[in-house]
Structures are given as structure tokens and as C-alpha cells.
Amino acid sequence: MAKTVNNSESYRAACLAGLGIAQLPTLALSREELAGSLVEVMPLFRPSPLPVNLLYPQRKHVPHRVRAFGDWLFEILQELC
């Protein structure tokens, strides 16, 4: 019987416990897990990246700190892809 979970931490824990395979985001894994505790089994079938949205209240002028955060986040995510 298939079981489901709704967050990557639960998927990760299930895989580490030997309960099956999961499609996990790289950000959900530690360096140790990336180094060998978990193994990629279907590298030819990686899904396309999902979009990330930054939501903030509608305003005529976006505060500098919000724009700076968005720019920083964009750079970080670009490096990961």
C-alpha cells in the first residue's frame, strides 16, 4: 500500500529508513547525503525545475530591501540550477 507525505523532510527520512524512493529537491539534502547516503536512481528522468515566486503587497514602489532580497534570491537559485 502506497503512503504519501507532504514535505521533503518526511520523504528524506523515509528514504534514509529504507522505505523506498523519492523525488527530492537538492536543497532538502545534507552534504553527507549528497556524498553517498542517498543515491540517484533515475538520472535520465529528472523533472524540470519548479518556479519560485516572491510575493509582497501591491505597491507603487517596491521597498529597496524587498527588491534586494529578490535579487539575492534570484542569484542564489541561478547558481543551483
C-alpha atoms as a PDB file:
ATOM      1  CA  MET A   1       0.000   0.000   0.000  1.00  0.00           C
ATOM      2  CA  ALA A   2       1.434   3.376  -1.022  1.00  0.00           C
ATOM      3  CA  LYS A   3       1.796   6.077   1.609  1.00  0.00           C
ATOM      4  CA  THR A   4       2.174   9.772   0.963  1.00  0.00           C
ATOM      5  CA  VAL A   5       3.737  12.681   2.817  1.00  0.00           C
ATOM      6  CA  ASN A   6       3.580  16.399   2.185  1.00  0.00           C
ATOM      7  CA  ASN A   7       7.099  17.685   2.816  1.00  0.00           C
ATOM      8  CA  SER A   8      10.622  16.910   1.702  1.00  0.00           C
ATOM      9  CA  GLU A   9      11.846  16.215   5.255  1.00  0.00           C
ATOM     10  CA  SER A  10       9.417  13.290   5.532  1.00  0.00           C
ATOM     11  CA  TYR A  11      10.413  11.962   2.083  1.00  0.00           C
ATOM     12  CA  ARG A  12      14.065  12.229   3.077  1.00  0.00           C
ATOM     13  CA  ALA A  13      13.517  10.400   6.378  1.00  0.00           C
ATOM     14  CA  ALA A  14      11.558   7.636   4.635  1.00  0.00           C
ATOM     15  CA  CYS A  15      14.348   7.103   2.099  1.00  0.00           C
ATOM     16  CA  LEU A  16      17.025   7.038   4.784  1.00  0.00           C
ATOM     17  CA  ALA A  17      14.936   4.443   6.645  1.00  0.00           C
ATOM     18  CA  GLY A  18      14.899   2.254   3.519  1.00  0.00           C
ATOM     19  CA  LEU A  19      11.198   2.671   2.782  1.00  0.00           C
ATOM     20  CA  GLY A  20      11.555   3.322  -0.937  1.00  0.00           C
ATOM     21  CA  ILE A  21      12.499   6.002  -3.418  1.00  0.00           C
ATOM     22  CA  ALA A  22      11.514   9.657  -3.593  1.00  0.00           C
ATOM     23  CA  GLN A  23      11.892  12.679  -5.802  1.00  0.00           C
ATOM     24  CA  LEU A  24      13.696  15.138  -3.528  1.00  0.00           C
ATOM     25  CA  PRO A  25      14.880  18.688  -4.098  1.00  0.00           C
ATOM     26  CA  THR A  26      18.648  19.024  -3.757  1.00  0.00           C
ATOM     27  CA  LEU A  27      18.131  21.753  -1.158  1.00  0.00           C
ATOM     28  CA  ALA A  28      16.483  19.192   1.141  1.00  0.00           C
ATOM     29  CA  LEU A  29      19.629  17.080   1.333  1.00  0.00           C
ATOM     30  CA  SER A  30      22.693  17.486   3.529  1.00  0.00           C
ATOM     31  CA  ARG A  31      26.249  17.293   2.198  1.00  0.00           C
ATOM     32  CA  GLU A  32      26.625  13.839   3.758  1.00  0.00           C
ATOM     33  CA  GLU A  33      23.526  12.559   1.985  1.00  0.00           C
ATOM     34  CA  LEU A  34      24.698  14.018  -1.318  1.00  0.00           C
ATOM     35  CA  ALA A  35      28.028  12.283  -0.731  1.00  0.00           C
ATOM     36  CA  GLY A  36      26.546   8.794  -0.579  1.00  0.00           C
ATOM     37  CA  SER A  37      23.796   8.105   1.960  1.00  0.00           C
ATOM     38  CA  LEU A  38      21.205   8.569  -0.777  1.00  0.00           C
ATOM     39  CA  VAL A  39      21.759   7.559  -4.387  1.00  0.00           C
ATOM     40  CA  GLU A  40      20.168   8.935  -7.533  1.00  0.00           C
ATOM     41  CA  VAL A  41      18.491   6.008  -9.299  1.00  0.00           C
ATOM     42  CA  MET A  42      16.916   7.615 -12.386  1.00  0.00           C
ATOM     43  CA  PRO A  43      19.186  10.461 -13.551  1.00  0.00           C
ATOM     44  CA  LEU A  44      17.737  10.427 -17.080  1.00  0.00           C
ATOM     45  CA  PHE A  45      14.276  11.243 -15.738  1.00  0.00           C
ATOM     46  CA  ARG A  46      14.918  14.397 -13.702  1.00  0.00           C
ATOM     47  CA  PRO A  47      11.903  16.715 -13.687  1.00  0.00           C
ATOM     48  CA  SER A  48      12.037  20.300 -14.882  1.00  0.00           C
ATOM     49  CA  PRO A  49      12.700  22.821 -12.094  1.00  0.00           C
ATOM     50  CA  LEU A  50       9.610  24.294 -10.449  1.00  0.00           C
ATOM     51  CA  PRO A  51       9.130  28.059 -10.425  1.00  0.00           C
ATOM     52  CA  VAL A  52       9.804  30.086  -7.280  1.00  0.00           C
ATOM     53  CA  ASN A  53       7.682  33.151  -6.554  1.00  0.00           C
ATOM     54  CA  LEU A  54       8.370  36.062  -4.232  1.00  0.00           C
ATOM     55  CA  LEU A  55       5.108  37.622  -3.103  1.00  0.00           C
ATOM     56  CA  TYR A  56       4.767  41.023  -1.490  1.00  0.00           C
ATOM     57  CA  PRO A  57       1.890  43.519  -1.068  1.00  0.00           C
ATOM     58  CA  GLN A  58       0.974  45.502  -4.168  1.00  0.00           C
ATOM     59  CA  ARG A  59       2.638  48.897  -4.022  1.00  0.00           C
ATOM     60  CA  LYS A  60       3.626  51.559  -6.492  1.00  0.00           C
ATOM     61  CA  HIS A  61       7.177  51.446  -5.191  1.00  0.00           C
ATOM     62  CA  VAL A  62       8.732  48.201  -4.022  1.00  0.00           C
ATOM     63  CA  PRO A  63      10.875  48.795  -0.894  1.00  0.00           C
ATOM     64  CA  HIS A  64      14.608  48.593  -1.570  1.00  0.00           C
ATOM     65  CA  ARG A  65      15.086  45.761   0.937  1.00  0.00           C
ATOM     66  CA  VAL A  66      12.414  43.650  -0.799  1.00  0.00           C
ATOM     67  CA  ARG A  67      13.988  44.242  -4.212  1.00  0.00           C
ATOM     68  CA  ALA A  68      17.460  43.498  -2.792  1.00  0.00           C
ATOM     69  CA  PHE A  69      16.203  40.260  -1.249  1.00  0.00           C
ATOM     70  CA  GLY A  70      14.565  39.225  -4.530  1.00  0.00           C
ATOM     71  CA  ASP A  71      17.757  39.947  -6.468  1.00  0.00           C
ATOM     72  CA  TRP A  72      19.833  37.979  -3.937  1.00  0.00           C
ATOM     73  CA  LEU A  73      17.412  35.024  -4.031  1.00  0.00           C
ATOM     74  CA  PHE A  74      17.461  35.023  -7.831  1.00  0.00           C
ATOM     75  CA  GLU A  75      21.275  34.851  -7.837  1.00  0.00           C
ATOM     76  CA  ILE A  76      21.336  32.007  -5.317  1.00  0.00           C
ATOM     77  CA  LEU A  77      18.768  29.969  -7.230  1.00  0.00           C
ATOM     78  CA  GLN A  78      20.532  30.582 -10.552  1.00  0.00           C
ATOM     79  CA  GLU A  79      23.733  29.113  -9.083  1.00  0.00           C
ATOM     80  CA  LEU A  80      21.854  25.953  -8.041  1.00  0.00           C
ATOM     81  CA  CYS A  81      20.342  25.297 -11.457  1.00  0.00           C
END
